[in-house]
Amino acid sequence: MNSTTNMAKSIDMLYEKAKKYTETSAELFALNTVDKTADVLSSLTSIVLIVIVVTMFTLFVNVGLSLFIGNLLDEYYLGFFIVSGFYLVLALVLYKFKDKIIKMPVANLIIAKLLKSKNSDFNIPNILKEADDEEA
């Protein structure tokens, strides 16, 4: 009977340890998820703010360039047509190469942020890069 009681206590202790381990693992997973989400969102927020500032700068430079070209051609509207034609050509090039120029770098940035490890010895993006370098 004594061995049965000890075995029951051992099973109870094992169950409690397994329960605590599961709870700790779930909490760690949740904290890691929050950390990764915060990292990705903060990076994207900073990129969006930089894009807004660069866009405003570009807008005013383009208006000034349009006015300058229009002044050289003695018709201001021609300057705006020339600058907008340039952007039409740029939009067509971007559309043609959108996967290579836009989609892949953004996807790689997000994946690198999500897979970034706090431990410098084990960094998944570096491991993936090393694997790509070995294949080449």
N, C-alpha and C. Protein backbone atom coordinates (compact mmCIF):
# COMPACT_ATOMS: atom_id res chain seq x y z
N MET A 1 0.82 -1.20 0.00
CA MET A 1 0.00 0.00 0.00
C MET A 1 0.86 1.26 0.00
N ASN A 2 1.98 1.19 0.69
CA ASN A 2 2.87 2.32 0.77
C ASN A 2 3.45 2.65 -0.62
N SER A 3 3.81 1.63 -1.39
CA SER A 3 4.35 1.89 -2.73
C SER A 3 3.27 2.46 -3.65
N THR A 4 2.03 2.03 -3.44
CA THR A 4 0.92 2.58 -4.23
C THR A 4 0.71 4.05 -3.91
N THR A 5 0.84 4.41 -2.65
CA THR A 5 0.70 5.81 -2.24
C THR A 5 1.84 6.65 -2.81
N ASN A 6 3.05 6.13 -2.73
CA ASN A 6 4.20 6.86 -3.29
C ASN A 6 4.06 7.02 -4.80
N MET A 7 3.57 5.97 -5.45
CA MET A 7 3.39 6.04 -6.90
C MET A 7 2.31 7.08 -7.24
N ALA A 8 1.24 7.11 -6.46
CA ALA A 8 0.17 8.09 -6.70
C ALA A 8 0.69 9.50 -6.50
N LYS A 9 1.52 9.70 -5.45
CA LYS A 9 2.11 11.02 -5.21
C LYS A 9 3.06 11.41 -6.35
N SER A 10 3.83 10.45 -6.82
CA SER A 10 4.74 10.71 -7.94
C SER A 10 3.98 11.08 -9.21
N ILE A 11 2.88 10.37 -9.44
CA ILE A 11 2.07 10.67 -10.62
C ILE A 11 1.44 12.05 -10.48
N ASP A 12 0.98 12.39 -9.27
CA ASP A 12 0.42 13.73 -9.04
C ASP A 12 1.47 14.81 -9.25
N MET A 13 2.69 14.58 -8.74
CA MET A 13 3.77 15.55 -8.92
C MET A 13 4.13 15.68 -10.39
N LEU A 14 4.19 14.55 -11.08
CA LEU A 14 4.49 14.57 -12.51
C LEU A 14 3.42 15.34 -13.26
N TYR A 15 2.16 15.11 -12.91
CA TYR A 15 1.04 15.81 -13.54
C TYR A 15 1.14 17.32 -13.29
N GLU A 16 1.44 17.71 -12.07
CA GLU A 16 1.56 19.14 -11.73
C GLU A 16 2.71 19.79 -12.49
N LYS A 17 3.85 19.10 -12.59
CA LYS A 17 4.99 19.63 -13.32
C LYS A 17 4.67 19.76 -14.81
N ALA A 18 4.00 18.76 -15.36
CA ALA A 18 3.61 18.82 -16.77
C ALA A 18 2.63 19.97 -17.00
N LYS A 19 1.71 20.16 -16.06
CA LYS A 19 0.74 21.25 -16.17
C LYS A 19 1.44 22.60 -16.12
N LYS A 20 2.38 22.78 -15.18
CA LYS A 20 3.12 24.04 -15.08
C LYS A 20 3.97 24.27 -16.33
N TYR A 21 4.58 23.19 -16.84
CA TYR A 21 5.39 23.31 -18.06
C TYR A 21 4.52 23.76 -19.23
N THR A 22 3.34 23.18 -19.36
CA THR A 22 2.43 23.55 -20.44
C THR A 22 1.99 25.00 -20.30
N GLU A 23 1.66 25.42 -19.09
CA GLU A 23 1.25 26.81 -18.86
C GLU A 23 2.39 27.78 -19.16
N THR A 24 3.60 27.42 -18.73
CA THR A 24 4.76 28.27 -18.99
C THR A 24 5.06 28.34 -20.49
N SER A 25 4.97 27.21 -21.16
CA SER A 25 5.20 27.19 -22.62
C SER A 25 4.17 28.04 -23.35
N ALA A 26 2.92 27.95 -22.94
CA ALA A 26 1.87 28.75 -23.58
C ALA A 26 2.10 30.23 -23.33
N GLU A 27 2.51 30.58 -22.11
CA GLU A 27 2.79 31.99 -21.80
C GLU A 27 4.00 32.49 -22.59
N LEU A 28 5.02 31.67 -22.69
CA LEU A 28 6.20 32.05 -23.47
C LEU A 28 5.84 32.25 -24.94
N PHE A 29 5.02 31.35 -25.48
CA PHE A 29 4.58 31.50 -26.87
C PHE A 29 3.81 32.80 -27.06
N ALA A 30 2.92 33.12 -26.12
CA ALA A 30 2.15 34.36 -26.21
C ALA A 30 3.06 35.58 -26.14
N LEU A 31 4.03 35.56 -25.23
CA LEU A 31 4.96 36.69 -25.11
C LEU A 31 5.83 36.84 -26.35
N ASN A 32 6.29 35.73 -26.91
CA ASN A 32 7.07 35.79 -28.15
C ASN A 32 6.24 36.34 -29.29
N THR A 33 4.97 35.94 -29.35
CA THR A 33 4.08 36.44 -30.40
C THR A 33 3.89 37.95 -30.26
N VAL A 34 3.67 38.40 -29.04
CA VAL A 34 3.51 39.84 -28.81
C VAL A 34 4.79 40.58 -29.18
N ASP A 35 5.94 40.04 -28.82
CA ASP A 35 7.22 40.67 -29.15
C ASP A 35 7.41 40.78 -30.66
N LYS A 36 7.15 39.69 -31.37
CA LYS A 36 7.32 39.71 -32.83
C LYS A 36 6.34 40.68 -33.48
N THR A 37 5.10 40.67 -33.02
CA THR A 37 4.09 41.57 -33.58
C THR A 37 4.48 43.03 -33.34
N ALA A 38 4.92 43.33 -32.14
CA ALA A 38 5.33 44.70 -31.82
C ALA A 38 6.52 45.11 -32.67
N ASP A 39 7.47 44.21 -32.87
CA ASP A 39 8.65 44.51 -33.68
C ASP A 39 8.26 44.80 -35.13
N VAL A 40 7.41 43.95 -35.70
CA VAL A 40 6.98 44.14 -37.09
C VAL A 40 6.18 45.43 -37.23
N LEU A 41 5.24 45.66 -36.33
CA LEU A 41 4.40 46.86 -36.43
C LEU A 41 5.21 48.14 -36.22
N SER A 42 6.16 48.13 -35.30
CA SER A 42 6.97 49.32 -35.10
C SER A 42 7.86 49.59 -36.31
N SER A 43 8.39 48.53 -36.91
CA SER A 43 9.20 48.71 -38.12
C SER A 43 8.35 49.25 -39.26
N LEU A 44 7.17 48.67 -39.45
CA LEU A 44 6.30 49.14 -40.52
C LEU A 44 5.82 50.58 -40.28
N THR A 45 5.56 50.93 -39.02
CA THR A 45 5.14 52.29 -38.69
C THR A 45 6.24 53.28 -39.03
N SER A 46 7.46 52.97 -38.67
CA SER A 46 8.56 53.89 -38.99
C SER A 46 8.77 54.00 -40.49
N ILE A 47 8.62 52.91 -41.20
CA ILE A 47 8.76 52.94 -42.66
C ILE A 47 7.64 53.79 -43.28
N VAL A 48 6.42 53.62 -42.79
CA VAL A 48 5.29 54.41 -43.31
C VAL A 48 5.52 55.89 -43.07
N LEU A 49 5.99 56.26 -41.88
CA LEU A 49 6.25 57.67 -41.60
C LEU A 49 7.34 58.24 -42.50
N ILE A 50 8.38 57.47 -42.72
CA ILE A 50 9.45 57.92 -43.62
C ILE A 50 8.92 58.07 -45.03
N VAL A 51 8.09 57.13 -45.48
CA VAL A 51 7.50 57.22 -46.82
C VAL A 51 6.63 58.47 -46.94
N ILE A 52 5.87 58.80 -45.91
CA ILE A 52 5.03 60.01 -45.96
C ILE A 52 5.89 61.26 -46.10
N VAL A 53 6.96 61.35 -45.33
CA VAL A 53 7.84 62.52 -45.40
C VAL A 53 8.51 62.60 -46.77
N VAL A 54 9.00 61.48 -47.26
CA VAL A 54 9.65 61.46 -48.59
C VAL A 54 8.63 61.81 -49.68
N THR A 55 7.40 61.34 -49.52
CA THR A 55 6.35 61.66 -50.48
C THR A 55 6.06 63.15 -50.52
N MET A 56 5.98 63.77 -49.36
CA MET A 56 5.74 65.22 -49.31
C MET A 56 6.90 65.97 -49.97
N PHE A 57 8.14 65.55 -49.66
CA PHE A 57 9.30 66.17 -50.28
C PHE A 57 9.25 66.02 -51.79
N THR A 58 8.95 64.81 -52.25
CA THR A 58 8.89 64.54 -53.68
C THR A 58 7.78 65.35 -54.35
N LEU A 59 6.67 65.48 -53.69
CA LEU A 59 5.56 66.26 -54.24
C LEU A 59 5.98 67.70 -54.51
N PHE A 60 6.60 68.32 -53.53
CA PHE A 60 6.99 69.72 -53.70
C PHE A 60 8.13 69.87 -54.71
N VAL A 61 9.05 68.92 -54.73
CA VAL A 61 10.12 68.96 -55.73
C VAL A 61 9.52 68.82 -57.13
N ASN A 62 8.53 67.94 -57.28
CA ASN A 62 7.92 67.75 -58.59
C ASN A 62 7.13 68.97 -59.05
N VAL A 63 6.44 69.63 -58.13
CA VAL A 63 5.73 70.86 -58.50
C VAL A 63 6.74 71.91 -58.94
N GLY A 64 7.84 72.05 -58.18
CA GLY A 64 8.87 73.00 -58.56
C GLY A 64 9.51 72.65 -59.89
N LEU A 65 9.78 71.38 -60.12
CA LEU A 65 10.36 70.94 -61.39
C LEU A 65 9.40 71.18 -62.54
N SER A 66 8.13 70.91 -62.32
CA SER A 66 7.12 71.15 -63.37
C SER A 66 7.05 72.62 -63.73
N LEU A 67 7.05 73.46 -62.71
CA LEU A 67 7.02 74.91 -62.97
C LEU A 67 8.29 75.37 -63.68
N PHE A 68 9.44 74.81 -63.29
CA PHE A 68 10.69 75.18 -63.93
C PHE A 68 10.70 74.77 -65.40
N ILE A 69 10.32 73.52 -65.68
CA ILE A 69 10.27 73.05 -67.07
C ILE A 69 9.25 73.85 -67.86
N GLY A 70 8.10 74.12 -67.26
CA GLY A 70 7.07 74.93 -67.92
C GLY A 70 7.57 76.33 -68.22
N ASN A 71 8.33 76.90 -67.33
CA ASN A 71 8.89 78.23 -67.56
C ASN A 71 9.89 78.21 -68.72
N LEU A 72 10.69 77.14 -68.79
CA LEU A 72 11.65 77.02 -69.91
C LEU A 72 10.93 76.87 -71.24
N LEU A 73 9.77 76.22 -71.25
CA LEU A 73 9.02 75.97 -72.49
C LEU A 73 7.97 77.05 -72.74
N ASP A 74 7.90 78.05 -71.87
CA ASP A 74 6.94 79.16 -71.95
C ASP A 74 5.49 78.72 -71.80
N GLU A 75 5.24 77.51 -71.38
CA GLU A 75 3.88 77.01 -71.10
C GLU A 75 3.97 76.11 -69.86
N TYR A 76 3.39 76.59 -68.76
CA TYR A 76 3.52 75.84 -67.51
C TYR A 76 2.89 74.45 -67.58
N TYR A 77 1.80 74.32 -68.32
CA TYR A 77 1.14 73.02 -68.37
C TYR A 77 2.03 71.96 -69.02
N LEU A 78 2.91 72.37 -69.96
CA LEU A 78 3.82 71.41 -70.59
C LEU A 78 4.78 70.80 -69.55
N GLY A 79 5.22 71.60 -68.60
CA GLY A 79 6.09 71.09 -67.54
C GLY A 79 5.40 70.02 -66.72
N PHE A 80 4.11 70.25 -66.41
CA PHE A 80 3.37 69.26 -65.65
C PHE A 80 3.13 67.99 -66.47
N PHE A 81 2.88 68.15 -67.77
CA PHE A 81 2.70 66.97 -68.62
C PHE A 81 3.99 66.15 -68.72
N ILE A 82 5.11 66.82 -68.83
CA ILE A 82 6.39 66.11 -68.94
C ILE A 82 6.69 65.34 -67.65
N VAL A 83 6.50 65.99 -66.51
CA VAL A 83 6.76 65.33 -65.23
C VAL A 83 5.77 64.18 -65.01
N SER A 84 4.51 64.37 -65.35
CA SER A 84 3.54 63.29 -65.17
C SER A 84 3.81 62.15 -66.15
N GLY A 85 4.30 62.46 -67.34
CA GLY A 85 4.71 61.41 -68.29
C GLY A 85 5.85 60.58 -67.74
N PHE A 86 6.80 61.24 -67.08
CA PHE A 86 7.89 60.52 -66.44
C PHE A 86 7.35 59.54 -65.40
N TYR A 87 6.38 60.00 -64.61
CA TYR A 87 5.81 59.11 -63.59
C TYR A 87 4.97 58.00 -64.19
N LEU A 88 4.38 58.23 -65.34
CA LEU A 88 3.66 57.17 -66.03
C LEU A 88 4.63 56.07 -66.46
N VAL A 89 5.76 56.46 -67.01
CA VAL A 89 6.77 55.49 -67.42
C VAL A 89 7.30 54.74 -66.19
N LEU A 90 7.56 55.47 -65.10
CA LEU A 90 8.03 54.85 -63.87
C LEU A 90 7.00 53.86 -63.32
N ALA A 91 5.73 54.21 -63.37
CA ALA A 91 4.66 53.31 -62.89
C ALA A 91 4.60 52.05 -63.74
N LEU A 92 4.77 52.17 -65.05
CA LEU A 92 4.77 51.00 -65.93
C LEU A 92 5.95 50.07 -65.63
N VAL A 93 7.11 50.66 -65.38
CA VAL A 93 8.29 49.85 -65.04
C VAL A 93 8.09 49.15 -63.70
N LEU A 94 7.56 49.88 -62.72
CA LEU A 94 7.29 49.27 -61.42
C LEU A 94 6.25 48.16 -61.53
N TYR A 95 5.24 48.36 -62.33
CA TYR A 95 4.22 47.33 -62.51
C TYR A 95 4.83 46.08 -63.15
N LYS A 96 5.68 46.30 -64.13
CA LYS A 96 6.30 45.18 -64.84
C LYS A 96 7.20 44.36 -63.90
N PHE A 97 7.93 45.03 -63.02
CA PHE A 97 8.89 44.36 -62.15
C PHE A 97 8.46 44.42 -60.68
N LYS A 98 7.15 44.48 -60.42
CA LYS A 98 6.65 44.66 -59.05
C LYS A 98 7.06 43.53 -58.11
N ASP A 99 7.07 42.30 -58.60
CA ASP A 99 7.44 41.19 -57.73
C ASP A 99 8.89 41.30 -57.28
N LYS A 100 9.77 41.63 -58.21
CA LYS A 100 11.19 41.69 -57.91
C LYS A 100 11.56 42.95 -57.13
N ILE A 101 10.93 44.07 -57.45
CA ILE A 101 11.31 45.35 -56.85
C ILE A 101 10.58 45.61 -55.54
N ILE A 102 9.31 45.22 -55.44
CA ILE A 102 8.51 45.58 -54.27
C ILE A 102 8.13 44.37 -53.43
N LYS A 103 7.49 43.39 -54.05
CA LYS A 103 6.90 42.28 -53.29
C LYS A 103 7.95 41.46 -52.53
N MET A 104 8.99 41.04 -53.18
CA MET A 104 10.00 40.19 -52.53
C MET A 104 10.74 40.92 -51.41
N PRO A 105 11.21 42.16 -51.61
CA PRO A 105 11.90 42.83 -50.49
C PRO A 105 10.99 43.04 -49.28
N VAL A 106 9.73 43.41 -49.51
CA VAL A 106 8.80 43.61 -48.39
C VAL A 106 8.53 42.28 -47.69
N ALA A 107 8.29 41.24 -48.46
CA ALA A 107 8.06 39.92 -47.87
C ALA A 107 9.28 39.45 -47.09
N ASN A 108 10.47 39.65 -47.63
CA ASN A 108 11.70 39.25 -46.94
C ASN A 108 11.89 40.05 -45.65
N LEU A 109 11.54 41.35 -45.68
CA LEU A 109 11.65 42.18 -44.48
C LEU A 109 10.73 41.66 -43.38
N ILE A 110 9.50 41.37 -43.73
CA ILE A 110 8.53 40.89 -42.75
C ILE A 110 8.95 39.52 -42.21
N ILE A 111 9.37 38.62 -43.10
CA ILE A 111 9.81 37.30 -42.67
C ILE A 111 11.04 37.40 -41.77
N ALA A 112 11.99 38.25 -42.12
CA ALA A 112 13.19 38.41 -41.30
C ALA A 112 12.83 38.94 -39.91
N LYS A 113 11.89 39.88 -39.86
CA LYS A 113 11.47 40.41 -38.56
C LYS A 113 10.75 39.34 -37.74
N LEU A 114 9.91 38.55 -38.39
CA LEU A 114 9.17 37.52 -37.67
C LEU A 114 10.07 36.39 -37.18
N LEU A 115 11.09 36.06 -37.95
CA LEU A 115 11.96 34.94 -37.61
C LEU A 115 13.21 35.36 -36.84
N LYS A 116 13.37 36.66 -36.60
CA LYS A 116 14.55 37.13 -35.90
C LYS A 116 14.59 36.55 -34.50
N SER A 117 15.74 36.02 -34.15
CA SER A 117 15.90 35.41 -32.83
C SER A 117 16.65 36.37 -31.92
N LYS A 118 16.27 36.40 -30.66
CA LYS A 118 16.97 37.24 -29.68
C LYS A 118 18.37 36.68 -29.40
N ASN A 119 18.52 35.37 -29.53
CA ASN A 119 19.80 34.71 -29.30
C ASN A 119 20.67 34.88 -30.54
N SER A 120 21.80 35.53 -30.40
CA SER A 120 22.64 35.82 -31.56
C SER A 120 23.26 34.57 -32.16
N ASP A 121 23.36 33.47 -31.38
CA ASP A 121 23.94 32.25 -31.91
C ASP A 121 23.01 31.54 -32.90
N PHE A 122 21.72 31.76 -32.73
CA PHE A 122 20.74 31.05 -33.55
C PHE A 122 19.82 32.08 -34.18
N ASN A 123 20.17 32.53 -35.38
CA ASN A 123 19.39 33.54 -36.06
C ASN A 123 18.90 32.94 -37.37
N ILE A 124 17.62 32.67 -37.46
CA ILE A 124 17.04 31.97 -38.61
C ILE A 124 17.30 32.69 -39.93
N PRO A 125 17.10 34.04 -40.03
CA PRO A 125 17.38 34.69 -41.31
C PRO A 125 18.83 34.49 -41.77
N ASN A 126 19.79 34.50 -40.83
CA ASN A 126 21.18 34.27 -41.21
C ASN A 126 21.39 32.84 -41.68
N ILE A 127 20.72 31.90 -41.04
CA ILE A 127 20.83 30.50 -41.45
C ILE A 127 20.26 30.33 -42.87
N LEU A 128 19.11 30.97 -43.14
CA LEU A 128 18.53 30.90 -44.47
C LEU A 128 19.44 31.54 -45.51
N LYS A 129 20.06 32.68 -45.14
CA LYS A 129 20.97 33.35 -46.07
C LYS A 129 22.18 32.47 -46.35
N GLU A 130 22.72 31.83 -45.32
CA GLU A 130 23.86 30.94 -45.50
C GLU A 130 23.50 29.77 -46.40
N ALA A 131 22.28 29.25 -46.25
CA ALA A 131 21.84 28.14 -47.10
C ALA A 131 21.72 28.58 -48.55
N ASP A 132 21.21 29.81 -48.78
CA ASP A 132 21.13 30.34 -50.13
C ASP A 132 22.51 30.54 -50.73
N ASP A 133 23.46 31.02 -49.92
CA ASP A 133 24.83 31.23 -50.40
C ASP A 133 25.49 29.92 -50.77
N GLU A 134 25.20 28.86 -50.01
CA GLU A 134 25.78 27.54 -50.32
C GLU A 134 25.22 26.96 -51.62
N GLU A 135 23.94 27.25 -51.89
CA GLU A 135 23.31 26.73 -53.12
C GLU A 135 23.88 27.43 -54.35
N ALA A 136 24.28 28.68 -54.21
CA ALA A 136 24.75 29.46 -55.37
C ALA A 136 26.13 29.11 -55.78
